[in-house]
Structure formats: C-alpha cells, structure tokens
C-alpha cells in the first residue's frame, strides 16, 4: 500500500530555516507531481508548493514564494521542502500529497490529490 511519510518539522524562531522531507514507500511516485500543503489551527488546508515529475516545473503560493524551495530526488523517492526566513504565520501542520494518476499539471486544490502523509508540525515563534 502506498504511503507518504513527512519528517523534519519542529519548533524554531522567526527567521530560521527548516527542511521537510516526504518519502514514499509501498509505491514509487518518482514520476508523479507531488504537492506540499499546510493547515494551520482553525483554518483550511492550503497549497504551499508543487513539483512535477523531474523537478523541471515548480509552483508556489504567493505567501511562500522566494522563501521556500521544493525539490526532489527520484532515486530516493523523496521530495523536499526547504523553508527559509520562517515567519510565525508559517506555523501549521505540513502535509505532502500525491495524485491518483500522473498529472501533467501541478494542481493547487487538495481534492486533486489522493495520497497524503500524516503531517509534520512546524511551529515558528516570534
């Protein structure tokens, strides 16, 4: 059974950096679009970043553009989210997600993704 596992979250001060990892097991998503989403307490899940199958195309929400970088290592079946210049408003549970089929487009709506990890908490203190 396909499974996604996120890691790398933690508690940091504003301005710090974290790198999240999303590793797939039970299936290979090396040829698939992967998305990162986040959900803050009391808010809806929102798109953060997405990457196409070989890393040639990426997409970011306006709120993280220029601070976050998504990348992937298909040999390791892992997608990364490098988060720099973190702000308190970045505090959320971060999820990675994979679609049911290989899309040619990076969708920003969560409904386009079928496989989700358990999430990793990122807390940024001011």
Foldseek 3Di string as FASTA:
>chain_A
DKAKAKDWADEEAAQAKIKMKIAIPPDACLQAKKWKWWDAPPGDIWTAKIAGNQRPDMDGDPVQPPFWDWDDDRVRSMIMIIGGRDDQVVWTWMKMFTAPDHDPDHDTDPVRTDHIHPTDTHGYHD
